[in-house]
Amino acid sequence: PRDIRHLKRQKVVEDLFKSAFHKQRLGNKASEILKHLEEIDKHIQKAA
């Protein structure tokens, strides 16, 4: 649980979760994910 990569992923998940409810300042990776949201969501729709 103290692995730096895991901790970074936790922060990104928290940022993405918060962004679903209100606008806020996001970390770099979360911002990058939101830029690709349409493409990412297409992959999710295809998988589920």
ModelCIF file with pLDDT and N, C-alpha, C, O atoms, coordinates in Angstrom:
data_MODEL
#
_entry.id   MODEL 
#
_entity.id                         1 
_entity.type                       polymer 
_entity.pdbx_number_of_molecules   1 
#
_entity_poly.entity_id                      1 
_entity_poly.type                           'polypeptide(L)' 
_entity_poly.nstd_linkage                   no 
_entity_poly.nstd_monomer                   no 
_entity_poly.pdbx_seq_one_letter_code       PRDIRHLKRQKVVEDLFKSAFHKQRLGNKASEILKHLEEIDKHIQKAA 
_entity_poly.pdbx_seq_one_letter_code_can   PRDIRHLKRQKVVEDLFKSAFHKQRLGNKASEILKHLEEIDKHIQKAA 
_entity_poly.pdbx_strand_id                 A 
#
loop_
_entity_poly_seq.entity_id 
_entity_poly_seq.num 
_entity_poly_seq.mon_id 
_entity_poly_seq.hetero 
1 1  PRO n 
1 2  ARG n 
1 3  ASP n 
1 4  ILE n 
1 5  ARG n 
1 6  HIS n 
1 7  LEU n 
1 8  LYS n 
1 9  ARG n 
1 10 GLN n 
1 11 LYS n 
1 12 VAL n 
1 13 VAL n 
1 14 GLU n 
1 15 ASP n 
1 16 LEU n 
1 17 PHE n 
1 18 LYS n 
1 19 SER n 
1 20 ALA n 
1 21 PHE n 
1 22 HIS n 
1 23 LYS n 
1 24 GLN n 
1 25 ARG n 
1 26 LEU n 
1 27 GLY n 
1 28 ASN n 
1 29 LYS n 
1 30 ALA n 
1 31 SER n 
1 32 GLU n 
1 33 ILE n 
1 34 LEU n 
1 35 LYS n 
1 36 HIS n 
1 37 LEU n 
1 38 GLU n 
1 39 GLU n 
1 40 ILE n 
1 41 ASP n 
1 42 LYS n 
1 43 HIS n 
1 44 ILE n 
1 45 GLN n 
1 46 LYS n 
1 47 ALA n 
1 48 ALA n 
#
_struct_asym.id          A 
_struct_asym.entity_id   1 
#
loop_
_ma_qa_metric.id 
_ma_qa_metric.mode 
_ma_qa_metric.name 
_ma_qa_metric.software_group_id 
_ma_qa_metric.type 
1 global pLDDT . pLDDT 
2 local  pLDDT . pLDDT 
#
_ma_qa_metric_global.metric_id      1 
_ma_qa_metric_global.metric_value   90.38 
_ma_qa_metric_global.model_id       1 
_ma_qa_metric_global.ordinal_id     1 
#
loop_
_ma_qa_metric_local.label_asym_id 
_ma_qa_metric_local.label_comp_id 
_ma_qa_metric_local.label_seq_id 
_ma_qa_metric_local.metric_id 
_ma_qa_metric_local.metric_value 
_ma_qa_metric_local.model_id 
_ma_qa_metric_local.ordinal_id 
A PRO 1  2 63.00 1 1  
A ARG 2  2 77.00 1 2  
A ASP 3  2 83.00 1 3  
A ILE 4  2 88.00 1 4  
A ARG 5  2 89.00 1 5  
A HIS 6  2 89.00 1 6  
A LEU 7  2 90.00 1 7  
A LYS 8  2 92.00 1 8  
A ARG 9  2 92.00 1 9  
A GLN 10 2 92.00 1 10 
A LYS 11 2 93.00 1 11 
A VAL 12 2 94.00 1 12 
A VAL 13 2 94.00 1 13 
A GLU 14 2 92.00 1 14 
A ASP 15 2 91.00 1 15 
A LEU 16 2 93.00 1 16 
A PHE 17 2 91.00 1 17 
A LYS 18 2 89.00 1 18 
A SER 19 2 88.00 1 19 
A ALA 20 2 86.00 1 20 
A PHE 21 2 85.00 1 21 
A HIS 22 2 82.00 1 22 
A LYS 23 2 81.00 1 23 
A GLN 24 2 81.00 1 24 
A ARG 25 2 84.00 1 25 
A LEU 26 2 84.00 1 26 
A GLY 27 2 88.00 1 27 
A ASN 28 2 91.00 1 28 
A LYS 29 2 93.00 1 29 
A ALA 30 2 93.00 1 30 
A SER 31 2 93.00 1 31 
A GLU 32 2 95.00 1 32 
A ILE 33 2 95.00 1 33 
A LEU 34 2 94.00 1 34 
A LYS 35 2 95.00 1 35 
A HIS 36 2 97.00 1 36 
A LEU 37 2 95.00 1 37 
A GLU 38 2 96.00 1 38 
A GLU 39 2 97.00 1 39 
A ILE 40 2 97.00 1 40 
A ASP 41 2 96.00 1 41 
A LYS 42 2 96.00 1 42 
A HIS 43 2 96.00 1 43 
A ILE 44 2 96.00 1 44 
A GLN 45 2 95.00 1 45 
A LYS 46 2 94.00 1 46 
A ALA 47 2 92.00 1 47 
A ALA 48 2 91.00 1 48 
#
loop_
_atom_site.group_PDB 
_atom_site.id 
_atom_site.type_symbol 
_atom_site.label_atom_id 
_atom_site.label_alt_id 
_atom_site.label_comp_id 
_atom_site.label_asym_id 
_atom_site.label_entity_id 
_atom_site.label_seq_id 
_atom_site.pdbx_PDB_ins_code 
_atom_site.Cartn_x 
_atom_site.Cartn_y 
_atom_site.Cartn_z 
_atom_site.occupancy 
_atom_site.B_iso_or_equiv 
_atom_site.pdbx_formal_charge 
_atom_site.auth_seq_id 
_atom_site.auth_comp_id 
_atom_site.auth_asym_id 
_atom_site.auth_atom_id 
_atom_site.pdbx_PDB_model_num 
ATOM 1   N N  . PRO A 1 1  ? 0.800   -1.229 0.000   1.00 63.00 ? 1  PRO A N  1 
ATOM 2   C CA . PRO A 1 1  ? 0.000   0.000  0.000   1.00 63.00 ? 1  PRO A CA 1 
ATOM 3   C C  . PRO A 1 1  ? 0.833   1.279  0.000   1.00 63.00 ? 1  PRO A C  1 
ATOM 4   O O  . PRO A 1 1  ? 0.296   2.364  -0.227  1.00 63.00 ? 1  PRO A O  1 
ATOM 5   N N  . ARG A 1 2  ? 2.117   1.168  0.248   1.00 77.00 ? 2  ARG A N  1 
ATOM 6   C CA . ARG A 1 2  ? 2.978   2.356  0.268   1.00 77.00 ? 2  ARG A CA 1 
ATOM 7   C C  . ARG A 1 2  ? 3.761   2.517  -1.028  1.00 77.00 ? 2  ARG A C  1 
ATOM 8   O O  . ARG A 1 2  ? 4.578   3.430  -1.154  1.00 77.00 ? 2  ARG A O  1 
ATOM 9   N N  . ASP A 1 3  ? 3.514   1.633  -1.992  1.00 83.00 ? 3  ASP A N  1 
ATOM 10  C CA . ASP A 1 3  ? 4.182   1.727  -3.290  1.00 83.00 ? 3  ASP A CA 1 
ATOM 11  C C  . ASP A 1 3  ? 3.827   3.071  -3.934  1.00 83.00 ? 3  ASP A C  1 
ATOM 12  O O  . ASP A 1 3  ? 2.655   3.436  -4.021  1.00 83.00 ? 3  ASP A O  1 
ATOM 13  N N  . ILE A 1 4  ? 4.823   3.779  -4.370  1.00 88.00 ? 4  ILE A N  1 
ATOM 14  C CA . ILE A 1 4  ? 4.614   5.138  -4.914  1.00 88.00 ? 4  ILE A CA 1 
ATOM 15  C C  . ILE A 1 4  ? 3.672   5.114  -6.124  1.00 88.00 ? 4  ILE A C  1 
ATOM 16  O O  . ILE A 1 4  ? 2.868   6.032  -6.289  1.00 88.00 ? 4  ILE A O  1 
ATOM 17  N N  . ARG A 1 5  ? 3.756   4.092  -6.961  1.00 89.00 ? 5  ARG A N  1 
ATOM 18  C CA . ARG A 1 5  ? 2.867   4.017  -8.133  1.00 89.00 ? 5  ARG A CA 1 
ATOM 19  C C  . ARG A 1 5  ? 1.423   3.815  -7.693  1.00 89.00 ? 5  ARG A C  1 
ATOM 20  O O  . ARG A 1 5  ? 0.499   4.384  -8.274  1.00 89.00 ? 5  ARG A O  1 
ATOM 21  N N  . HIS A 1 6  ? 1.240   2.992  -6.651  1.00 89.00 ? 6  HIS A N  1 
ATOM 22  C CA . HIS A 1 6  ? -0.111  2.764  -6.137  1.00 89.00 ? 6  HIS A CA 1 
ATOM 23  C C  . HIS A 1 6  ? -0.679  4.051  -5.536  1.00 89.00 ? 6  HIS A C  1 
ATOM 24  O O  . HIS A 1 6  ? -1.842  4.388  -5.760  1.00 89.00 ? 6  HIS A O  1 
ATOM 25  N N  . LEU A 1 7  ? 0.139   4.758  -4.780  1.00 90.00 ? 7  LEU A N  1 
ATOM 26  C CA . LEU A 1 7  ? -0.311  6.011  -4.179  1.00 90.00 ? 7  LEU A CA 1 
ATOM 27  C C  . LEU A 1 7  ? -0.677  7.046  -5.240  1.00 90.00 ? 7  LEU A C  1 
ATOM 28  O O  . LEU A 1 7  ? -1.647  7.787  -5.078  1.00 90.00 ? 7  LEU A O  1 
ATOM 29  N N  . LYS A 1 8  ? 0.090   7.097  -6.317  1.00 92.00 ? 8  LYS A N  1 
ATOM 30  C CA . LYS A 1 8  ? -0.224  8.023  -7.414  1.00 92.00 ? 8  LYS A CA 1 
ATOM 31  C C  . LYS A 1 8  ? -1.548  7.646  -8.067  1.00 92.00 ? 8  LYS A C  1 
ATOM 32  O O  . LYS A 1 8  ? -2.363  8.513  -8.384  1.00 92.00 ? 8  LYS A O  1 
ATOM 33  N N  . ARG A 1 9  ? -1.757  6.345  -8.264  1.00 92.00 ? 9  ARG A N  1 
ATOM 34  C CA . ARG A 1 9  ? -3.018  5.902  -8.861  1.00 92.00 ? 9  ARG A CA 1 
ATOM 35  C C  . ARG A 1 9  ? -4.194  6.225  -7.945  1.00 92.00 ? 9  ARG A C  1 
ATOM 36  O O  . ARG A 1 9  ? -5.264  6.604  -8.420  1.00 92.00 ? 9  ARG A O  1 
ATOM 37  N N  . GLN A 1 10 ? -4.004  6.079  -6.645  1.00 92.00 ? 10 GLN A N  1 
ATOM 38  C CA . GLN A 1 10 ? -5.067  6.433  -5.710  1.00 92.00 ? 10 GLN A CA 1 
ATOM 39  C C  . GLN A 1 10 ? -5.459  7.895  -5.889  1.00 92.00 ? 10 GLN A C  1 
ATOM 40  O O  . GLN A 1 10 ? -6.646  8.220  -5.929  1.00 92.00 ? 10 GLN A O  1 
ATOM 41  N N  . LYS A 1 11 ? -4.484  8.765  -5.996  1.00 93.00 ? 11 LYS A N  1 
ATOM 42  C CA . LYS A 1 11 ? -4.732  10.208 -6.158  1.00 93.00 ? 11 LYS A CA 1 
ATOM 43  C C  . LYS A 1 11 ? -5.495  10.476 -7.456  1.00 93.00 ? 11 LYS A C  1 
ATOM 44  O O  . LYS A 1 11 ? -6.414  11.295 -7.477  1.00 93.00 ? 11 LYS A O  1 
ATOM 45  N N  . VAL A 1 12 ? -5.120  9.795  -8.530  1.00 94.00 ? 12 VAL A N  1 
ATOM 46  C CA . VAL A 1 12 ? -5.803  9.988  -9.813  1.00 94.00 ? 12 VAL A CA 1 
ATOM 47  C C  . VAL A 1 12 ? -7.251  9.535  -9.713  1.00 94.00 ? 12 VAL A C  1 
ATOM 48  O O  . VAL A 1 12 ? -8.148  10.230 -10.192 1.00 94.00 ? 12 VAL A O  1 
ATOM 49  N N  . VAL A 1 13 ? -7.493  8.385  -9.101  1.00 94.00 ? 13 VAL A N  1 
ATOM 50  C CA . VAL A 1 13 ? -8.869  7.897  -8.940  1.00 94.00 ? 13 VAL A CA 1 
ATOM 51  C C  . VAL A 1 13 ? -9.681  8.893  -8.120  1.00 94.00 ? 13 VAL A C  1 
ATOM 52  O O  . VAL A 1 13 ? -10.823 9.197  -8.463  1.00 94.00 ? 13 VAL A O  1 
ATOM 53  N N  . GLU A 1 14 ? -9.101  9.396  -7.052  1.00 92.00 ? 14 GLU A N  1 
ATOM 54  C CA . GLU A 1 14 ? -9.797  10.394 -6.232  1.00 92.00 ? 14 GLU A CA 1 
ATOM 55  C C  . GLU A 1 14 ? -10.120 11.648 -7.042  1.00 92.00 ? 14 GLU A C  1 
ATOM 56  O O  . GLU A 1 14 ? -11.225 12.180 -6.942  1.00 92.00 ? 14 GLU A O  1 
ATOM 57  N N  . ASP A 1 15 ? -9.168  12.122 -7.840  1.00 91.00 ? 15 ASP A N  1 
ATOM 58  C CA . ASP A 1 15 ? -9.407  13.307 -8.673  1.00 91.00 ? 15 ASP A CA 1 
ATOM 59  C C  . ASP A 1 15 ? -10.517 13.050 -9.690  1.00 91.00 ? 15 ASP A C  1 
ATOM 60  O O  . ASP A 1 15 ? -11.399 13.889 -9.873  1.00 91.00 ? 15 ASP A O  1 
ATOM 61  N N  . LEU A 1 16 ? -10.474 11.898 -10.347 1.00 93.00 ? 16 LEU A N  1 
ATOM 62  C CA . LEU A 1 16 ? -11.497 11.577 -11.342 1.00 93.00 ? 16 LEU A CA 1 
ATOM 63  C C  . LEU A 1 16 ? -12.871 11.458 -10.690 1.00 93.00 ? 16 LEU A C  1 
ATOM 64  O O  . LEU A 1 16 ? -13.868 11.910 -11.253 1.00 93.00 ? 16 LEU A O  1 
ATOM 65  N N  . PHE A 1 17 ? -12.926 10.856 -9.512  1.00 91.00 ? 17 PHE A N  1 
ATOM 66  C CA . PHE A 1 17 ? -14.191 10.719 -8.796  1.00 91.00 ? 17 PHE A CA 1 
ATOM 67  C C  . PHE A 1 17 ? -14.752 12.092 -8.444  1.00 91.00 ? 17 PHE A C  1 
ATOM 68  O O  . PHE A 1 17 ? -15.929 12.365 -8.677  1.00 91.00 ? 17 PHE A O  1 
ATOM 69  N N  . LYS A 1 18 ? -13.915 12.949 -7.886  1.00 89.00 ? 18 LYS A N  1 
ATOM 70  C CA . LYS A 1 18 ? -14.350 14.291 -7.508  1.00 89.00 ? 18 LYS A CA 1 
ATOM 71  C C  . LYS A 1 18 ? -14.822 15.092 -8.720  1.00 89.00 ? 18 LYS A C  1 
ATOM 72  O O  . LYS A 1 18 ? -15.778 15.861 -8.630  1.00 89.00 ? 18 LYS A O  1 
ATOM 73  N N  . SER A 1 19 ? -14.146 14.907 -9.851  1.00 88.00 ? 19 SER A N  1 
ATOM 74  C CA . SER A 1 19 ? -14.500 15.674 -11.047 1.00 88.00 ? 19 SER A CA 1 
ATOM 75  C C  . SER A 1 19 ? -15.875 15.299 -11.583 1.00 88.00 ? 19 SER A C  1 
ATOM 76  O O  . SER A 1 19 ? -16.470 16.059 -12.346 1.00 88.00 ? 19 SER A O  1 
ATOM 77  N N  . ALA A 1 20 ? -16.382 14.136 -11.191 1.00 86.00 ? 20 ALA A N  1 
ATOM 78  C CA . ALA A 1 20 ? -17.721 13.730 -11.623 1.00 86.00 ? 20 ALA A CA 1 
ATOM 79  C C  . ALA A 1 20 ? -18.801 14.567 -10.949 1.00 86.00 ? 20 ALA A C  1 
ATOM 80  O O  . ALA A 1 20 ? -19.938 14.608 -11.417 1.00 86.00 ? 20 ALA A O  1 
ATOM 81  N N  . PHE A 1 21 ? -18.449 15.239 -9.846  1.00 85.00 ? 21 PHE A N  1 
ATOM 82  C CA . PHE A 1 21 ? -19.436 15.990 -9.081  1.00 85.00 ? 21 PHE A CA 1 
ATOM 83  C C  . PHE A 1 21 ? -19.278 17.497 -9.153  1.00 85.00 ? 21 PHE A C  1 
ATOM 84  O O  . PHE A 1 21 ? -20.268 18.228 -9.101  1.00 85.00 ? 21 PHE A O  1 
ATOM 85  N N  . HIS A 1 22 ? -18.044 17.970 -9.271  1.00 82.00 ? 22 HIS A N  1 
ATOM 86  C CA . HIS A 1 22 ? -17.841 19.414 -9.349  1.00 82.00 ? 22 HIS A CA 1 
ATOM 87  C C  . HIS A 1 22 ? -16.491 19.735 -9.975  1.00 82.00 ? 22 HIS A C  1 
ATOM 88  O O  . HIS A 1 22 ? -15.570 18.918 -9.980  1.00 82.00 ? 22 HIS A O  1 
ATOM 89  N N  . LYS A 1 23 ? -16.406 20.945 -10.499 1.00 81.00 ? 23 LYS A N  1 
ATOM 90  C CA . LYS A 1 23 ? -15.159 21.389 -11.108 1.00 81.00 ? 23 LYS A CA 1 
ATOM 91  C C  . LYS A 1 23 ? -14.142 21.663 -10.014 1.00 81.00 ? 23 LYS A C  1 
ATOM 92  O O  . LYS A 1 23 ? -14.460 22.225 -8.966  1.00 81.00 ? 23 LYS A O  1 
ATOM 93  N N  . GLN A 1 24 ? -12.937 21.259 -10.281 1.00 81.00 ? 24 GLN A N  1 
ATOM 94  C CA . GLN A 1 24 ? -11.854 21.474 -9.334  1.00 81.00 ? 24 GLN A CA 1 
ATOM 95  C C  . GLN A 1 24 ? -10.529 21.377 -10.071 1.00 81.00 ? 24 GLN A C  1 
ATOM 96  O O  . GLN A 1 24 ? -10.474 20.958 -11.227 1.00 81.00 ? 24 GLN A O  1 
ATOM 97  N N  . ARG A 1 25 ? -9.500  21.757 -9.407  1.00 84.00 ? 25 ARG A N  1 
ATOM 98  C CA . ARG A 1 25 ? -8.162  21.638 -9.982  1.00 84.00 ? 25 ARG A CA 1 
ATOM 99  C C  . ARG A 1 25 ? -7.737  20.178 -9.897  1.00 84.00 ? 25 ARG A C  1 
ATOM 100 O O  . ARG A 1 25 ? -7.824  19.550 -8.841  1.00 84.00 ? 25 ARG A O  1 
ATOM 101 N N  . LEU A 1 26 ? -7.280  19.653 -11.020 1.00 84.00 ? 26 LEU A N  1 
ATOM 102 C CA . LEU A 1 26 ? -6.909  18.242 -11.086 1.00 84.00 ? 26 LEU A CA 1 
ATOM 103 C C  . LEU A 1 26 ? -5.411  18.089 -11.275 1.00 84.00 ? 26 LEU A C  1 
ATOM 104 O O  . LEU A 1 26 ? -4.724  19.000 -11.735 1.00 84.00 ? 26 LEU A O  1 
ATOM 105 N N  . GLY A 1 27 ? -4.924  16.913 -10.907 1.00 88.00 ? 27 GLY A N  1 
ATOM 106 C CA . GLY A 1 27 ? -3.533  16.588 -11.166 1.00 88.00 ? 27 GLY A CA 1 
ATOM 107 C C  . GLY A 1 27 ? -3.309  16.405 -12.665 1.00 88.00 ? 27 GLY A C  1 
ATOM 108 O O  . GLY A 1 27 ? -4.265  16.321 -13.435 1.00 88.00 ? 27 GLY A O  1 
ATOM 109 N N  . ASN A 1 28 ? -2.064  16.344 -13.067 1.00 91.00 ? 28 ASN A N  1 
ATOM 110 C CA . ASN A 1 28 ? -1.723  16.228 -14.487 1.00 91.00 ? 28 ASN A CA 1 
ATOM 111 C C  . ASN A 1 28 ? -2.333  15.001 -15.145 1.00 91.00 ? 28 ASN A C  1 
ATOM 112 O O  . ASN A 1 28 ? -2.902  15.093 -16.233 1.00 91.00 ? 28 ASN A O  1 
ATOM 113 N N  . LYS A 1 29 ? -2.215  13.852 -14.488 1.00 93.00 ? 29 LYS A N  1 
ATOM 114 C CA . LYS A 1 29 ? -2.703  12.619 -15.101 1.00 93.00 ? 29 LYS A CA 1 
ATOM 115 C C  . LYS A 1 29 ? -4.225  12.632 -15.223 1.00 93.00 ? 29 LYS A C  1 
ATOM 116 O O  . LYS A 1 29 ? -4.765  12.224 -16.252 1.00 93.00 ? 29 LYS A O  1 
ATOM 117 N N  . ALA A 1 30 ? -4.912  13.090 -14.196 1.00 93.00 ? 30 ALA A N  1 
ATOM 118 C CA . ALA A 1 30 ? -6.377  13.163 -14.258 1.00 93.00 ? 30 ALA A CA 1 
ATOM 119 C C  . ALA A 1 30 ? -6.812  14.113 -15.380 1.00 93.00 ? 30 ALA A C  1 
ATOM 120 O O  . ALA A 1 30 ? -7.769  13.826 -16.099 1.00 93.00 ? 30 ALA A O  1 
ATOM 121 N N  . SER A 1 31 ? -6.120  15.223 -15.526 1.00 93.00 ? 31 SER A N  1 
ATOM 122 C CA . SER A 1 31 ? -6.431  16.166 -16.611 1.00 93.00 ? 31 SER A CA 1 
ATOM 123 C C  . SER A 1 31 ? -6.214  15.525 -17.964 1.00 93.00 ? 31 SER A C  1 
ATOM 124 O O  . SER A 1 31 ? -7.006  15.718 -18.886 1.00 93.00 ? 31 SER A O  1 
ATOM 125 N N  . GLU A 1 32 ? -5.142  14.763 -18.085 1.00 95.00 ? 32 GLU A N  1 
ATOM 126 C CA . GLU A 1 32 ? -4.839  14.067 -19.344 1.00 95.00 ? 32 GLU A CA 1 
ATOM 127 C C  . GLU A 1 32 ? -5.918  13.027 -19.652 1.00 95.00 ? 32 GLU A C  1 
ATOM 128 O O  . GLU A 1 32 ? -6.322  12.867 -20.803 1.00 95.00 ? 32 GLU A O  1 
ATOM 129 N N  . ILE A 1 33 ? -6.372  12.335 -18.635 1.00 95.00 ? 33 ILE A N  1 
ATOM 130 C CA . ILE A 1 33 ? -7.437  11.341 -18.826 1.00 95.00 ? 33 ILE A CA 1 
ATOM 131 C C  . ILE A 1 33 ? -8.709  12.025 -19.306 1.00 95.00 ? 33 ILE A C  1 
ATOM 132 O O  . ILE A 1 33 ? -9.373  11.525 -20.214 1.00 95.00 ? 33 ILE A O  1 
ATOM 133 N N  . LEU A 1 34 ? -9.055  13.150 -18.715 1.00 94.00 ? 34 LEU A N  1 
ATOM 134 C CA . LEU A 1 34 ? -10.273 13.853 -19.113 1.00 94.00 ? 34 LEU A CA 1 
ATOM 135 C C  . LEU A 1 34 ? -10.181 14.381 -20.545 1.00 94.00 ? 34 LEU A C  1 
ATOM 136 O O  . LEU A 1 34 ? -11.203 14.513 -21.218 1.00 94.00 ? 34 LEU A O  1 
ATOM 137 N N  . LYS A 1 35 ? -8.975  14.682 -21.016 1.00 95.00 ? 35 LYS A N  1 
ATOM 138 C CA . LYS A 1 35 ? -8.803  15.104 -22.415 1.00 95.00 ? 35 LYS A CA 1 
ATOM 139 C C  . LYS A 1 35 ? -9.131  13.969 -23.376 1.00 95.00 ? 35 LYS A C  1 
ATOM 140 O O  . LYS A 1 35 ? -9.566  14.214 -24.501 1.00 95.00 ? 35 LYS A O  1 
ATOM 141 N N  . HIS A 1 36 ? -8.927  12.729 -22.942 1.00 97.00 ? 36 HIS A N  1 
ATOM 142 C CA . HIS A 1 36 ? -9.169  11.551 -23.784 1.00 97.00 ? 36 HIS A CA 1 
ATOM 143 C C  . HIS A 1 36 ? -10.457 10.821 -23.399 1.00 97.00 ? 36 HIS A C  1 
ATOM 144 O O  . HIS A 1 36 ? -10.646 9.657  -23.755 1.00 97.00 ? 36 HIS A O  1 
ATOM 145 N N  . LEU A 1 37 ? -11.331 11.499 -22.681 1.00 95.00 ? 37 LEU A N  1 
ATOM 146 C CA . LEU A 1 37 ? -12.509 10.866 -22.106 1.00 95.00 ? 37 LEU A CA 1 
ATOM 147 C C  . LEU A 1 37 ? -13.397 10.173 -23.139 1.00 95.00 ? 37 LEU A C  1 
ATOM 148 O O  . LEU A 1 37 ? -13.875 9.063  -22.903 1.00 95.00 ? 37 LEU A O  1 
ATOM 149 N N  . GLU A 1 38 ? -13.613 10.810 -24.258 1.00 96.00 ? 38 GLU A N  1 
ATOM 150 C CA . GLU A 1 38 ? -14.480 10.216 -25.282 1.00 96.00 ? 38 GLU A CA 1 
ATOM 151 C C  . GLU A 1 38 ? -13.924 8.873  -25.763 1.00 96.00 ? 38 GLU A C  1 
ATOM 152 O O  . GLU A 1 38 ? -14.658 7.890  -25.864 1.00 96.00 ? 38 GLU A O  1 
ATOM 153 N N  . GLU A 1 39 ? -12.637 8.841  -26.057 1.00 97.00 ? 39 GLU A N  1 
ATOM 154 C CA . GLU A 1 39 ? -11.985 7.603  -26.513 1.00 97.00 ? 39 GLU A CA 1 
ATOM 155 C C  . GLU A 1 39 ? -12.005 6.540  -25.411 1.00 97.00 ? 39 GLU A C  1 
ATOM 156 O O  . GLU A 1 39 ? -12.286 5.371  -25.677 1.00 97.00 ? 39 GLU A O  1 
ATOM 157 N N  . ILE A 1 40 ? -11.709 6.945  -24.186 1.00 97.00 ? 40 ILE A N  1 
ATOM 158 C CA . ILE A 1 40 ? -11.688 6.018  -23.054 1.00 97.00 ? 40 ILE A CA 1 
ATOM 159 C C  . ILE A 1 40 ? -13.073 5.430  -22.825 1.00 97.00 ? 40 ILE A C  1 
ATOM 160 O O  . ILE A 1 40 ? -13.215 4.221  -22.642 1.00 97.00 ? 40 ILE A O  1 
ATOM 161 N N  . ASP A 1 41 ? -14.093 6.279  -22.835 1.00 96.00 ? 41 ASP A N  1 
ATOM 162 C CA . ASP A 1 41 ? -15.454 5.804  -22.610 1.00 96.00 ? 41 ASP A CA 1 
ATOM 163 C C  . ASP A 1 41 ? -15.919 4.859  -23.712 1.00 96.00 ? 41 ASP A C  1 
ATOM 164 O O  . ASP A 1 41 ? -16.710 3.955  -23.444 1.00 96.00 ? 41 ASP A O  1 
ATOM 165 N N  . LYS A 1 42 ? -15.451 5.042  -24.934 1.00 96.00 ? 42 LYS A N  1 
ATOM 166 C CA . LYS A 1 42 ? -15.776 4.099  -26.021 1.00 96.00 ? 42 LYS A CA 1 
ATOM 167 C C  . LYS A 1 42 ? -15.201 2.720  -25.719 1.00 96.00 ? 42 LYS A C  1 
ATOM 168 O O  . LYS A 1 42 ? -15.855 1.705  -25.958 1.00 96.00 ? 42 LYS A O  1 
ATOM 169 N N  . HIS A 1 43 ? -13.980 2.685  -25.196 1.00 96.00 ? 43 HIS A N  1 
ATOM 170 C CA . HIS A 1 43 ? -13.375 1.409  -24.813 1.00 96.00 ? 43 HIS A CA 1 
ATOM 171 C C  . HIS A 1 43 ? -14.179 0.733  -23.700 1.00 96.00 ? 43 HIS A C  1 
ATOM 172 O O  . HIS A 1 43 ? -14.397 -0.479 -23.724 1.00 96.00 ? 43 HIS A O  1 
ATOM 173 N N  . ILE A 1 44 ? -14.612 1.533  -22.731 1.00 96.00 ? 44 ILE A N  1 
ATOM 174 C CA . ILE A 1 44 ? -15.393 0.980  -21.621 1.00 96.00 ? 44 ILE A CA 1 
ATOM 175 C C  . ILE A 1 44 ? -16.721 0.434  -22.132 1.00 96.00 ? 44 ILE A C  1 
ATOM 176 O O  . ILE A 1 44 ? -17.125 -0.664 -21.749 1.00 96.00 ? 44 ILE A O  1 
ATOM 177 N N  . GLN A 1 45 ? -17.400 1.184  -22.988 1.00 95.00 ? 45 GLN A N  1 
ATOM 178 C CA . GLN A 1 45 ? -18.670 0.726  -23.564 1.00 95.00 ? 45 GLN A CA 1 
ATOM 179 C C  . GLN A 1 45 ? -18.489 -0.565 -24.345 1.00 95.00 ? 45 GLN A C  1 
ATOM 180 O O  . GLN A 1 45 ? -19.350 -1.445 -24.311 1.00 95.00 ? 45 GLN A O  1 
ATOM 181 N N  . LYS A 1 46 ? -17.387 -0.676 -25.038 1.00 94.00 ? 46 LYS A N  1 
ATOM 182 C CA . LYS A 1 46 ? -17.103 -1.888 -25.821 1.00 94.00 ? 46 LYS A CA 1 
ATOM 183 C C  . LYS A 1 46 ? -16.866 -3.078 -24.888 1.00 94.00 ? 46 LYS A C  1 
ATOM 184 O O  . LYS A 1 46 ? -17.299 -4.193 -25.183 1.00 94.00 ? 46 LYS A O  1 
ATOM 185 N N  . ALA A 1 47 ? -16.184 -2.847 -23.767 1.00 92.00 ? 47 ALA A N  1 
ATOM 186 C CA . ALA A 1 47 ? -15.864 -3.919 -22.825 1.00 92.00 ? 47 ALA A CA 1 
ATOM 187 C C  . ALA A 1 47 ? -17.060 -4.307 -21.952 1.00 92.00 ? 47 ALA A C  1 
ATOM 188 O O  . ALA A 1 47 ? -17.172 -5.456 -21.526 1.00 92.00 ? 47 ALA A O  1 
ATOM 189 N N  . ALA A 1 48 ? -17.940 -3.360 -21.690 1.00 91.00 ? 48 ALA A N  1 
ATOM 190 C CA . ALA A 1 48 ? -19.097 -3.617 -20.821 1.00 91.00 ? 48 ALA A CA 1 
ATOM 191 C C  . ALA A 1 48 ? -20.355 -3.027 -21.453 1.00 91.00 ? 48 ALA A C  1 
ATOM 192 O O  . ALA A 1 48 ? -21.441 -3.133 -20.881 1.00 91.00 ? 48 ALA A O  1 
#
